[in-house]
Amino acid sequence: MYMKNIINKLLVGSLVFGVMTISSCASDFLDTVPTDSTGASDAVGTTDNAMKALNGISKLMTTQHYYFGQGFAGENNIMAHYENYPSENYLYNMYASGWSPIHNQEFHSRTNSIYDAYAWYYYYTIIGNANTIICNIDAATGADNEKNFIKAAALTFRAYAFEKLTHYYCWRWQDSSNGASQGLILRLDESTDGMPYSTLAETYTQIYKDLDEAISLFSNTETTRSESDIWIPNVNVAHAVYARAALAKQDYSKALSEAQLARQDFPLMDNAAYRSGFCNPTSEWIFGSYGSAQENNWYWSYGVQFSCNGYYASASNTGAGAIGRELINRIPNNDVRKALFLTEDKFPGYDFNDGSAMDLGYGILGMGDDENAADALWEDAASYCAKMAVSGLAAPYQAGYMYLGGQLKFYVFDTPGVSYLPFIRSSEMVLIEAEANYQLGNESAAIASLMTLNKESGRNPEYTCTKSGDALWNEIMDYREVELWGEGFAWSDYKRWNRDVVRHGFAEGGNAHISIAKTIPASGANKWTWDVPLAETDYNDDLKPGTSGN
């Protein structure tokens, strides 16, 4: 089996991706030559090479993996197919019918599918490459300061990958009998022998251990990343991954303390930065992708399909993703985040329920049955897009197709889809603090976090919150969804919250295409868990046949 051979090659781990085959003209990112015949001791033989290897892992996070086909390009694919599409409030209606099996979680048990296999392959690729660095850096030639930093960053990469894998291939913590259920295969060296599953508790223990060691090493080095090198982990990234893992494990005190540490020195961005297109790093980007045009990923970039001025939105009728109508309508109209969506409050005087100004199949503005109303709405929507266009960037929706709830959040700064992408922002950490405090029974502190995010940041200067109990919990969930919309969190959040996905079509007051307008219960799809792919269970002799599920 070809896929089996890919996994086998991956697990050998003798070479690090960044020093194997990638050559770059961007001197601050990658500057390497092919070294296919070089062993790990040479690939990580010096701290200079090891630093290139770290860059290589970062590059892998945005690189097209050709075996899997179109669009399987690291975090780009994870954000779209594993998080946005199956969520409640990310709608891509023109493609909804064809992609409905992914939206509706129908592939989770298809273990021979590329959709089931990709996240496993991709994150274990990161783990394998991180292991090569971790296992060889101590013997490398170079200063101890540099070795400490490189090892810490590699440990953080490994923890990041393990933590992400738990979202997709493991049960929720609350379903795990205190961690007794199936966890991951904890490959911590360069060996390729068979290995059984660890428990979920053992998996989180290893994630915590990696991050504890990383944080210790970061604190014992004077080496750090350049301020602009957001694609390389630093101590803030380690704390942020720790906060995520602790939140998923329902270790709320740890989640709270780590989130607070993670956002130190990364202040929330102001409204001008918030409206600048999410294509260049701002003050609150803790971790993200490299996105210079010098490393153009061409048609596999996230921005090609999912930015309002990317290739698709500029040349086709697909739009660039829309937010759920019911969610965004719960957010006050004066909120800077709501301003980044084509919501009905911006177009008073039109009926969005009778099909006169907007079609009720896809939600395209200006495609209704009443020609006069439709034309007028189209003009109003186009005017709003022009008003919200980011200075210096290509205009949004040049193809002329604008959807109800259509986003003006994500832009690109070069064709066809060149941009940086945020993976971790300090806003997420504030929201983790709010959620952790609520779960710890400290509602006043949870409200204080919401005030920090919404009022003190300027996102809504008039924001206030006097809610408690379930109403406060709903407020926290709503603002997490709106703040992080499109950034690759929504499905995992609903899984963690044990919350049904409920999508309503236009006839029910929502804006989902009929093919995905349905309820997906939190108890379904093997507790929302992807089965371990056949490429692993066929290869790994320590896994009994038929035990790919939890």
Protein backbone atom coordinates (compact mmCIF):
# COMPACT_ATOMS: atom_id res chain seq x y z
CA MET A 1 0.00 0.00 0.00
CA TYR A 2 1.46 3.33 -1.10
CA MET A 3 0.12 5.18 1.91
CA LYS A 4 1.64 2.56 4.19
CA ASN A 5 5.01 3.22 2.57
CA ILE A 6 4.60 6.95 3.15
CA ILE A 7 3.94 6.43 6.86
CA ASN A 8 6.85 3.99 7.05
CA LYS A 9 9.18 6.52 5.47
CA LEU A 10 7.85 9.22 7.76
CA LEU A 11 8.47 7.24 10.91
CA VAL A 12 12.07 6.50 9.99
CA GLY A 13 12.69 10.14 10.88
CA SER A 14 16.33 10.06 9.80
CA LEU A 15 16.10 13.37 8.03
CA VAL A 16 14.44 16.61 8.96
CA PHE A 17 12.03 18.06 6.43
CA GLY A 18 13.63 21.46 6.39
CA VAL A 19 17.06 20.20 5.33
CA MET A 20 15.93 17.53 2.89
CA THR A 21 14.46 19.06 -0.21
CA ILE A 22 13.52 22.69 0.32
CA SER A 23 15.42 25.54 -1.21
CA SER A 24 14.41 29.11 -0.59
CA CYS A 25 15.29 32.62 -1.58
CA ALA A 26 13.99 34.03 1.71
CA SER A 27 17.08 34.40 3.83
CA ASP A 28 15.14 34.85 7.06
CA PHE A 29 13.13 31.66 6.64
CA LEU A 30 14.86 28.84 4.76
CA ASP A 31 18.16 28.78 2.95
CA THR A 32 18.97 25.12 2.47
CA VAL A 33 20.12 22.66 -0.13
CA PRO A 34 18.91 19.11 -0.82
CA THR A 35 20.52 16.61 1.54
CA ASP A 36 18.67 13.40 0.73
CA SER A 37 21.69 11.26 1.50
CA THR A 38 22.51 12.98 4.76
CA GLY A 39 21.83 11.25 8.05
CA ALA A 40 20.32 12.83 11.13
CA SER A 41 23.69 13.37 12.76
CA ASP A 42 24.64 15.64 9.86
CA ALA A 43 21.22 17.23 9.40
CA VAL A 44 21.31 18.29 13.06
CA GLY A 45 25.07 18.18 13.39
CA THR A 46 25.44 21.88 14.06
CA THR A 47 23.18 24.44 15.64
CA ASP A 48 23.05 26.27 12.31
CA ASN A 49 21.66 23.17 10.60
CA ALA A 50 19.35 22.46 13.51
CA MET A 51 17.91 25.95 13.25
CA LYS A 52 17.24 25.31 9.57
CA ALA A 53 15.52 22.10 10.62
CA LEU A 54 13.23 24.09 12.93
CA ASN A 55 12.43 26.37 10.02
CA GLY A 56 11.70 23.26 8.00
CA ILE A 57 9.01 22.17 10.46
CA SER A 58 7.49 25.64 10.16
CA LYS A 59 7.59 25.34 6.38
CA LEU A 60 5.92 21.95 6.59
CA MET A 61 2.94 23.62 8.26
CA THR A 62 2.10 25.42 5.00
CA THR A 63 3.48 22.99 2.39
CA GLN A 64 1.35 21.08 -0.09
CA HIS A 65 1.54 17.32 0.61
CA TYR A 66 1.10 16.03 -2.89
CA TYR A 67 0.06 12.46 -2.19
CA PHE A 68 -3.15 13.67 -0.57
CA GLY A 69 -4.04 16.01 -3.41
CA GLN A 70 -5.36 19.51 -3.79
CA GLY A 71 -5.40 21.73 -0.74
CA PHE A 72 -3.70 19.36 1.73
CA ALA A 73 -1.17 21.92 2.88
CA GLY A 74 -0.61 21.61 6.60
CA GLU A 75 -2.54 23.91 8.90
CA ASN A 76 -4.44 25.28 5.87
CA ASN A 77 -6.20 21.95 5.50
CA ILE A 78 -6.67 21.36 9.22
CA MET A 79 -8.32 24.75 9.61
CA ALA A 80 -10.66 24.22 6.67
CA HIS A 81 -11.58 20.53 6.61
CA TYR A 82 -11.20 19.50 10.25
CA GLU A 83 -12.40 22.66 11.97
CA ASN A 84 -14.29 25.18 9.84
CA TYR A 85 -16.35 22.96 7.54
CA PRO A 86 -17.83 20.63 10.20
CA SER A 87 -18.61 23.48 12.58
CA GLU A 88 -21.95 25.20 13.12
CA ASN A 89 -21.10 28.73 12.10
CA TYR A 90 -18.69 28.52 9.16
CA LEU A 91 -20.73 28.32 5.96
CA TYR A 92 -19.41 27.83 2.45
CA ASN A 93 -22.70 27.40 0.69
CA MET A 94 -21.68 27.19 -2.97
CA TYR A 95 -19.56 24.13 -2.12
CA ALA A 96 -21.78 22.82 0.67
CA SER A 97 -23.48 20.12 -1.38
CA GLY A 98 -20.26 18.59 -2.68
CA TRP A 99 -18.51 18.86 0.68
CA SER A 100 -21.51 17.87 2.79
CA PRO A 101 -19.91 14.57 3.94
CA ILE A 102 -17.14 16.62 5.59
CA HIS A 103 -19.52 19.28 6.92
CA ASN A 104 -21.76 16.54 8.31
CA GLN A 105 -19.02 14.31 9.78
CA GLU A 106 -19.64 11.30 7.54
CA PHE A 107 -15.99 10.35 7.01
CA HIS A 108 -14.90 9.70 10.58
CA SER A 109 -14.93 5.91 10.27
CA ARG A 110 -13.66 5.66 6.68
CA THR A 111 -10.18 4.58 7.64
CA ASN A 112 -8.97 4.21 4.04
CA SER A 113 -9.90 7.81 3.21
CA ILE A 114 -7.39 10.60 2.76
CA TYR A 115 -9.66 12.76 4.90
CA ASP A 116 -9.32 10.39 7.82
CA ALA A 117 -5.58 9.91 7.26
CA TYR A 118 -4.35 13.43 6.64
CA ALA A 119 -4.30 14.90 10.13
CA TRP A 120 -2.61 11.74 11.42
CA TYR A 121 0.03 11.84 8.67
CA TYR A 122 0.63 15.57 8.96
CA TYR A 123 1.01 15.84 12.73
CA TYR A 124 3.13 12.70 12.98
CA THR A 125 5.37 14.22 10.31
CA ILE A 126 5.89 17.18 12.64
CA ILE A 127 6.48 14.78 15.53
CA GLY A 128 8.99 12.71 13.55
CA ASN A 129 10.96 15.76 12.50
CA ALA A 130 10.87 17.22 16.00
CA ASN A 131 12.13 13.89 17.37
CA THR A 132 15.13 14.01 15.06
CA ILE A 133 16.08 17.38 16.50
CA ILE A 134 15.37 16.40 20.11
CA CYS A 135 17.39 13.19 19.85
CA ASN A 136 20.44 14.74 18.18
CA ILE A 137 20.74 18.36 19.29
CA ASP A 138 22.63 17.67 22.51
CA ALA A 139 25.55 16.27 20.47
CA ALA A 140 25.49 19.08 17.90
CA THR A 141 28.32 21.53 17.47
CA GLY A 142 27.35 24.94 18.77
CA ALA A 143 26.72 27.02 21.84
CA ASP A 144 24.67 25.57 24.69
CA ASN A 145 22.38 28.61 24.58
CA GLU A 146 21.48 27.83 20.99
CA LYS A 147 21.02 24.12 21.70
CA ASN A 148 18.70 24.86 24.61
CA PHE A 149 16.54 27.13 22.46
CA ILE A 150 16.39 24.71 19.55
CA LYS A 151 15.52 21.75 21.77
CA ALA A 152 12.86 23.77 23.57
CA ALA A 153 11.30 24.81 20.27
CA ALA A 154 11.33 21.22 18.99
CA LEU A 155 9.68 19.98 22.19
CA THR A 156 7.02 22.66 21.75
CA PHE A 157 6.41 21.57 18.16
CA ARG A 158 6.01 17.98 19.35
CA ALA A 159 3.60 18.95 22.11
CA TYR A 160 1.66 21.13 19.67
CA ALA A 161 1.23 18.16 17.32
CA PHE A 162 0.27 15.68 20.05
CA GLU A 163 -2.24 18.16 21.46
CA LYS A 164 -3.86 18.66 18.06
CA LEU A 165 -4.03 14.92 17.43
CA THR A 166 -6.00 14.40 20.65
CA HIS A 167 -8.77 16.60 19.23
CA TYR A 168 -9.27 14.37 16.21
CA TYR A 169 -8.35 10.81 17.22
CA CYS A 170 -9.22 10.66 20.93
CA TRP A 171 -12.39 10.91 22.96
CA ARG A 172 -13.26 14.00 24.96
CA TRP A 173 -11.66 14.00 28.39
CA GLN A 174 -15.10 13.83 30.05
CA ASP A 175 -15.84 10.64 28.05
CA SER A 176 -12.50 9.00 28.81
CA SER A 177 -13.02 7.59 32.31
CA ASN A 178 -10.43 9.99 33.68
CA GLY A 179 -8.04 9.31 30.83
CA ALA A 180 -8.36 5.53 30.64
CA SER A 181 -9.57 5.54 27.03
CA GLN A 182 -7.34 5.21 23.99
CA GLY A 183 -4.78 7.93 23.52
CA LEU A 184 -2.04 8.33 20.94
CA ILE A 185 1.02 6.41 19.88
CA LEU A 186 3.71 8.29 21.76
CA ARG A 187 6.72 8.13 19.47
CA LEU A 188 9.46 10.01 21.29
CA ASP A 189 12.55 8.91 19.37
CA GLU A 190 13.58 7.88 15.87
CA SER A 191 12.59 4.23 16.17
CA THR A 192 10.14 2.72 13.69
CA ASP A 193 9.15 -0.45 15.50
CA GLY A 194 5.56 -1.27 16.33
CA MET A 195 4.13 0.63 19.25
CA PRO A 196 0.80 0.34 21.07
CA TYR A 197 -1.56 3.11 21.97
CA SER A 198 -0.97 4.96 25.20
CA THR A 199 -3.96 5.96 27.27
CA LEU A 200 -5.34 9.45 26.98
CA ALA A 201 -4.03 10.20 30.48
CA GLU A 202 -0.53 9.06 29.45
CA THR A 203 -0.80 11.20 26.34
CA TYR A 204 -1.56 14.34 28.33
CA THR A 205 1.19 13.46 30.81
CA GLN A 206 3.66 13.43 27.92
CA ILE A 207 2.36 16.72 26.51
CA TYR A 208 2.75 18.32 29.95
CA LYS A 209 6.24 16.80 30.32
CA ASP A 210 7.38 18.12 26.93
CA LEU A 211 6.13 21.59 27.75
CA ASP A 212 7.62 21.63 31.24
CA GLU A 213 11.00 20.74 29.74
CA ALA A 214 10.58 23.28 26.93
CA ILE A 215 9.71 26.08 29.35
CA SER A 216 12.69 25.18 31.54
CA LEU A 217 15.04 25.21 28.54
CA PHE A 218 13.64 28.49 27.25
CA SER A 219 14.31 30.02 30.67
CA ASN A 220 17.92 28.82 30.54
CA THR A 221 18.94 30.40 27.27
CA GLU A 222 19.65 33.90 26.09
CA THR A 223 18.81 32.85 22.53
CA THR A 224 15.34 33.71 21.32
CA ARG A 225 13.48 34.13 18.08
CA SER A 226 13.47 37.46 16.30
CA GLU A 227 10.37 39.46 17.12
CA SER A 228 9.00 38.97 13.59
CA ASP A 229 9.73 35.23 13.39
CA ILE A 230 6.31 34.14 14.60
CA TRP A 231 6.68 30.74 12.90
CA ILE A 232 9.30 29.60 15.45
CA PRO A 233 8.05 28.57 18.93
CA ASN A 234 9.17 30.57 21.93
CA VAL A 235 8.26 30.35 25.61
CA ASN A 236 4.91 32.08 24.99
CA VAL A 237 4.00 29.42 22.45
CA ALA A 238 4.89 26.70 24.95
CA HIS A 239 2.66 28.29 27.59
CA ALA A 240 -0.16 28.68 25.04
CA VAL A 241 -0.04 25.03 23.96
CA TYR A 242 0.00 24.13 27.67
CA ALA A 243 -3.12 26.24 28.22
CA ARG A 244 -4.89 24.50 25.34
CA ALA A 245 -3.97 21.04 26.56
CA ALA A 246 -5.03 21.81 30.12
CA LEU A 247 -8.35 23.25 28.92
CA ALA A 248 -9.11 20.11 26.93
CA LYS A 249 -8.12 17.97 29.93
CA GLN A 250 -10.43 20.06 32.14
CA ASP A 251 -7.44 21.02 34.25
CA TYR A 252 -8.84 24.52 34.58
CA SER A 253 -6.44 25.96 37.14
CA LYS A 254 -3.50 24.99 34.94
CA ALA A 255 -5.24 26.33 31.84
CA LEU A 256 -5.79 29.66 33.59
CA SER A 257 -2.23 30.11 34.80
CA GLU A 258 -0.67 29.05 31.50
CA ALA A 259 -2.94 31.30 29.43
CA GLN A 260 -1.96 34.27 31.58
CA LEU A 261 1.72 33.50 31.04
CA ALA A 262 1.24 32.91 27.32
CA ARG A 263 -0.09 36.37 26.54
CA GLN A 264 2.57 38.31 28.43
CA ASP A 265 4.20 40.81 26.04
CA PHE A 266 1.51 40.17 23.40
CA PRO A 267 -1.08 42.92 24.00
CA LEU A 268 -4.45 42.77 22.29
CA MET A 269 -4.45 44.60 18.98
CA ASP A 270 -6.40 47.81 18.49
CA ASN A 271 -9.31 48.19 16.10
CA ALA A 272 -7.19 49.51 13.25
CA ALA A 273 -5.07 46.37 13.40
CA TYR A 274 -8.20 44.22 13.70
CA ARG A 275 -9.48 45.70 10.43
CA SER A 276 -6.17 45.29 8.61
CA GLY A 277 -6.94 41.95 6.97
CA PHE A 278 -5.51 39.22 9.21
CA CYS A 279 -2.75 38.73 6.65
CA ASN A 280 0.20 40.26 8.53
CA PRO A 281 1.17 39.67 12.18
CA THR A 282 -0.07 42.13 14.78
CA SER A 283 0.84 42.70 18.43
CA GLU A 284 -1.17 39.68 19.59
CA TRP A 285 0.06 37.01 17.18
CA ILE A 286 1.93 34.58 19.42
CA PHE A 287 2.43 31.89 16.76
CA GLY A 288 1.60 31.72 13.09
CA SER A 289 2.68 30.78 9.61
CA TYR A 290 5.40 32.26 7.46
CA GLY A 291 3.67 34.06 4.62
CA SER A 292 6.05 36.08 2.49
CA ALA A 293 5.52 36.11 -1.28
CA GLN A 294 9.05 34.69 -1.47
CA GLU A 295 7.58 31.41 -0.20
CA ASN A 296 4.41 31.53 -2.31
CA ASN A 297 2.39 28.35 -1.89
CA TRP A 298 0.39 29.30 -4.95
CA TYR A 299 -3.03 27.70 -5.15
CA TRP A 300 -2.67 25.69 -1.93
CA SER A 301 -2.64 28.70 0.39
CA TYR A 302 -5.52 29.27 2.78
CA GLY A 303 -6.05 32.71 1.34
CA VAL A 304 -6.66 31.48 -2.21
CA GLN A 305 -10.05 30.07 -1.26
CA PHE A 306 -10.85 31.62 2.10
CA SER A 307 -9.88 35.30 1.85
CA CYS A 308 -12.26 37.97 0.62
CA ASN A 309 -9.76 39.24 -1.95
CA GLY A 310 -8.10 35.93 -2.81
CA TYR A 311 -8.29 34.09 -6.09
CA TYR A 312 -11.68 32.43 -5.58
CA ALA A 313 -13.51 35.53 -4.34
CA SER A 314 -11.96 37.55 -7.17
CA ALA A 315 -12.70 35.14 -10.00
CA SER A 316 -15.60 32.84 -9.05
CA ASN A 317 -19.04 32.73 -7.46
CA THR A 318 -17.99 30.88 -4.30
CA GLY A 319 -17.51 33.81 -1.93
CA ALA A 320 -14.98 33.26 0.85
CA GLY A 321 -16.96 31.79 3.74
CA ALA A 322 -19.81 33.24 5.79
CA ILE A 323 -20.58 33.34 9.49
CA GLY A 324 -23.73 31.77 10.93
CA ARG A 325 -26.59 34.27 10.82
CA GLU A 326 -28.02 33.50 14.24
CA LEU A 327 -24.63 33.75 15.98
CA ILE A 328 -23.57 37.07 14.48
CA ASN A 329 -27.03 38.58 15.06
CA ARG A 330 -26.49 38.06 18.81
CA ILE A 331 -23.47 40.39 18.68
CA PRO A 332 -24.13 44.16 19.04
CA ASN A 333 -23.99 46.14 15.83
CA ASN A 334 -21.25 48.48 17.12
CA ASP A 335 -18.74 45.64 17.56
CA VAL A 336 -15.66 45.90 15.32
CA ARG A 337 -15.84 42.15 14.66
CA LYS A 338 -19.42 42.36 13.42
CA ALA A 339 -18.33 45.09 11.02
CA LEU A 340 -16.27 42.44 9.22
CA PHE A 341 -19.34 40.49 8.09
CA LEU A 342 -22.10 41.28 5.60
CA THR A 343 -24.95 41.13 8.08
CA GLU A 344 -28.51 42.29 7.56
CA ASP A 345 -28.30 45.16 10.06
CA LYS A 346 -26.08 46.94 7.53
CA PHE A 347 -28.79 46.83 4.87
CA PRO A 348 -32.05 48.03 6.45
CA GLY A 349 -35.19 48.03 4.38
CA TYR A 350 -34.65 44.68 2.68
CA ASP A 351 -36.46 41.43 3.41
CA PHE A 352 -33.96 38.64 3.88
CA ASN A 353 -36.61 35.95 4.32
CA ASP A 354 -38.85 36.18 1.25
CA GLY A 355 -36.32 35.76 -1.56
CA SER A 356 -36.97 39.18 -3.03
CA ALA A 357 -33.47 40.68 -2.71
CA MET A 358 -31.42 37.57 -1.87
CA ASP A 359 -31.79 34.00 -3.08
CA LEU A 360 -32.83 31.53 -0.41
CA GLY A 361 -30.73 28.65 -1.69
CA TYR A 362 -27.20 29.98 -1.20
CA GLY A 363 -27.73 33.40 0.38
CA ILE A 364 -26.15 35.46 -2.39
CA LEU A 365 -26.97 39.14 -1.95
CA GLY A 366 -28.61 40.71 -5.00
CA MET A 367 -29.81 37.41 -6.49
CA GLY A 368 -33.45 37.66 -5.45
CA ASP A 369 -36.70 37.47 -7.44
CA ASP A 370 -37.46 41.20 -7.33
CA GLU A 371 -35.06 42.75 -9.82
CA ASN A 372 -35.23 46.24 -8.35
CA ALA A 373 -34.71 45.09 -4.77
CA ALA A 374 -31.98 42.68 -5.82
CA ASP A 375 -30.07 45.30 -7.79
CA ALA A 376 -30.35 47.82 -4.96
CA LEU A 377 -29.10 45.31 -2.38
CA TRP A 378 -26.19 44.35 -4.62
CA GLU A 379 -25.20 48.00 -4.93
CA ASP A 380 -25.45 48.52 -1.17
CA ALA A 381 -23.38 45.41 -0.45
CA ALA A 382 -20.74 46.42 -2.99
CA SER A 383 -20.59 49.88 -1.45
CA TYR A 384 -20.08 48.40 2.02
CA CYS A 385 -17.30 46.15 0.73
CA ALA A 386 -15.62 49.17 -0.86
CA LYS A 387 -15.97 51.09 2.40
CA MET A 388 -14.36 48.27 4.38
CA ALA A 389 -11.58 47.53 1.87
CA VAL A 390 -8.12 47.49 3.42
CA SER A 391 -5.87 50.22 2.10
CA GLY A 392 -3.06 48.94 -0.08
CA LEU A 393 -4.62 45.53 -0.69
CA ALA A 394 -6.67 44.23 -3.59
CA ALA A 395 -10.38 44.97 -3.19
CA PRO A 396 -12.69 42.29 -1.77
CA TYR A 397 -15.17 40.23 -3.80
CA GLN A 398 -14.15 41.52 -7.21
CA ALA A 399 -16.12 38.66 -8.78
CA GLY A 400 -19.27 40.38 -7.50
CA TYR A 401 -20.67 37.49 -5.44
CA MET A 402 -21.38 38.49 -1.86
CA TYR A 403 -23.17 36.27 0.65
CA LEU A 404 -25.29 36.96 3.71
CA GLY A 405 -22.76 36.70 6.54
CA GLY A 406 -19.88 36.92 4.06
CA GLN A 407 -16.59 37.76 5.76
CA LEU A 408 -14.29 40.75 5.33
CA LYS A 409 -11.87 39.42 7.96
CA PHE A 410 -9.25 37.53 5.95
CA TYR A 411 -7.33 39.22 3.13
CA VAL A 412 -4.21 38.39 1.15
CA PHE A 413 -1.48 40.85 0.22
CA ASP A 414 -0.28 39.13 -2.95
CA THR A 415 -1.69 36.76 -5.55
CA PRO A 416 -3.14 34.24 -5.63
CA GLY A 417 -3.38 33.80 -1.86
CA VAL A 418 -0.26 35.05 -0.10
CA SER A 419 -0.62 35.91 3.58
CA TYR A 420 0.53 35.05 7.06
CA LEU A 421 -1.95 33.09 9.17
CA PRO A 422 -2.42 33.26 12.94
CA PHE A 423 -2.25 29.94 14.79
CA ILE A 424 -2.25 31.33 18.35
CA ARG A 425 -3.34 34.82 19.40
CA SER A 426 -3.46 36.41 22.81
CA SER A 427 -7.23 36.88 22.33
CA GLU A 428 -7.54 33.10 22.49
CA MET A 429 -5.67 33.10 25.77
CA VAL A 430 -8.06 35.69 27.24
CA LEU A 431 -10.96 33.47 26.18
CA ILE A 432 -9.28 30.45 27.81
CA GLU A 433 -9.05 32.51 31.00
CA ALA A 434 -12.76 33.31 30.76
CA GLU A 435 -13.72 29.68 30.19
CA ALA A 436 -11.40 28.35 32.91
CA ASN A 437 -12.63 30.87 35.46
CA TYR A 438 -16.23 30.07 34.66
CA GLN A 439 -15.61 26.34 35.10
CA LEU A 440 -13.80 27.06 38.38
CA GLY A 441 -16.89 28.89 39.63
CA ASN A 442 -15.30 32.33 39.51
CA GLU A 443 -17.89 34.17 37.43
CA SER A 444 -16.63 37.65 38.30
CA ALA A 445 -13.19 36.79 36.92
CA ALA A 446 -14.77 35.25 33.82
CA ILE A 447 -16.68 38.50 33.25
CA ALA A 448 -13.48 40.48 33.79
CA SER A 449 -11.86 38.49 30.97
CA LEU A 450 -14.79 39.27 28.68
CA MET A 451 -14.45 42.94 29.59
CA THR A 452 -10.74 42.81 28.75
CA LEU A 453 -11.42 41.25 25.37
CA ASN A 454 -14.45 43.28 24.36
CA LYS A 455 -14.44 46.66 26.12
CA GLU A 456 -10.87 47.39 27.14
CA SER A 457 -9.53 46.35 23.74
CA GLY A 458 -11.94 48.75 22.05
CA ARG A 459 -13.69 46.04 20.05
CA ASN A 460 -16.93 47.29 21.65
CA PRO A 461 -16.34 50.29 23.94
CA GLU A 462 -19.90 50.02 25.26
CA TYR A 463 -19.69 46.33 26.15
CA THR A 464 -20.94 45.29 29.54
CA CYS A 465 -21.89 41.96 31.06
CA THR A 466 -24.07 41.25 34.08
CA LYS A 467 -24.94 37.68 33.16
CA SER A 468 -24.48 34.59 35.30
CA GLY A 469 -24.96 30.85 35.09
CA ASP A 470 -25.92 29.41 31.71
CA ALA A 471 -26.41 32.88 30.26
CA LEU A 472 -22.80 33.77 31.07
CA TRP A 473 -21.58 30.47 29.66
CA ASN A 474 -23.44 31.15 26.40
CA GLU A 475 -21.86 34.62 26.30
CA ILE A 476 -18.37 33.12 26.65
CA MET A 477 -19.05 30.60 23.89
CA ASP A 478 -20.52 33.22 21.55
CA TYR A 479 -17.58 35.57 21.89
CA ARG A 480 -15.07 32.76 21.46
CA GLU A 481 -16.78 31.77 18.21
CA VAL A 482 -16.92 35.32 16.88
CA GLU A 483 -13.40 36.30 17.95
CA LEU A 484 -11.75 33.19 16.52
CA TRP A 485 -14.06 32.64 13.55
CA GLY A 486 -12.31 31.05 10.58
CA GLU A 487 -9.06 30.46 12.49
CA GLY A 488 -9.55 26.73 13.00
CA PHE A 489 -11.13 26.24 16.43
CA ALA A 490 -14.87 25.84 16.02
CA TRP A 491 -15.28 22.07 15.63
CA SER A 492 -12.85 21.25 18.44
CA ASP A 493 -14.58 23.78 20.68
CA TYR A 494 -17.98 22.18 20.15
CA LYS A 495 -16.46 18.76 20.77
CA ARG A 496 -14.89 19.97 24.03
CA TRP A 497 -18.16 21.63 25.04
CA ASN A 498 -20.09 18.45 24.21
CA ARG A 499 -22.40 20.68 22.20
CA ASP A 500 -24.56 19.67 19.24
CA VAL A 501 -23.96 21.39 15.91
CA VAL A 502 -27.31 22.85 14.86
CA ARG A 503 -27.42 24.46 11.42
CA HIS A 504 -30.58 26.13 10.23
CA GLY A 505 -31.48 26.82 6.64
CA PHE A 506 -32.99 30.07 5.42
CA ALA A 507 -36.54 28.86 6.04
CA GLU A 508 -35.65 28.42 9.72
CA GLY A 509 -33.95 31.78 10.15
CA GLY A 510 -30.40 30.63 9.48
CA ASN A 511 -28.21 30.80 6.40
CA ALA A 512 -26.98 27.25 5.82
CA HIS A 513 -27.43 25.45 2.50
CA ILE A 514 -30.09 22.74 2.62
CA SER A 515 -27.48 19.97 2.24
CA ILE A 516 -25.91 20.85 5.61
CA ALA A 517 -28.92 22.34 7.42
CA LYS A 518 -29.15 19.64 10.05
CA THR A 519 -28.34 18.76 13.66
CA ILE A 520 -25.21 16.73 14.40
CA PRO A 521 -25.52 15.45 17.96
CA ALA A 522 -22.48 15.63 20.21
CA SER A 523 -22.98 11.94 20.98
CA GLY A 524 -22.66 10.93 17.32
CA ALA A 525 -19.79 9.90 15.04
CA ASN A 526 -17.99 7.85 17.71
CA LYS A 527 -18.14 10.82 20.09
CA TRP A 528 -16.84 13.01 17.24
CA THR A 529 -13.65 10.97 16.97
CA TRP A 530 -11.85 10.09 13.75
CA ASP A 531 -10.74 6.46 13.58
CA VAL A 532 -7.02 5.86 13.35
CA PRO A 533 -6.28 5.38 9.62
CA LEU A 534 -5.50 2.03 8.05
CA ALA A 535 -2.11 3.36 7.02
CA GLU A 536 -1.16 3.22 10.72
CA THR A 537 -3.01 0.11 11.82
CA ASP A 538 -1.72 -1.90 8.81
CA TYR A 539 1.84 -0.78 9.41
CA ASN A 540 2.02 -0.93 13.18
CA ASP A 541 2.28 -4.56 14.27
CA ASP A 542 1.47 -3.70 17.89
CA LEU A 543 -2.05 -2.59 17.00
CA LYS A 544 -4.52 -5.43 16.93
CA PRO A 545 -6.64 -5.67 13.78
CA GLY A 546 -9.96 -3.93 14.18
CA THR A 547 -8.94 -1.75 17.12
CA SER A 548 -8.63 1.54 15.27
CA GLY A 549 -11.46 3.11 17.27
CA ASN A 550 -11.59 4.09 20.92
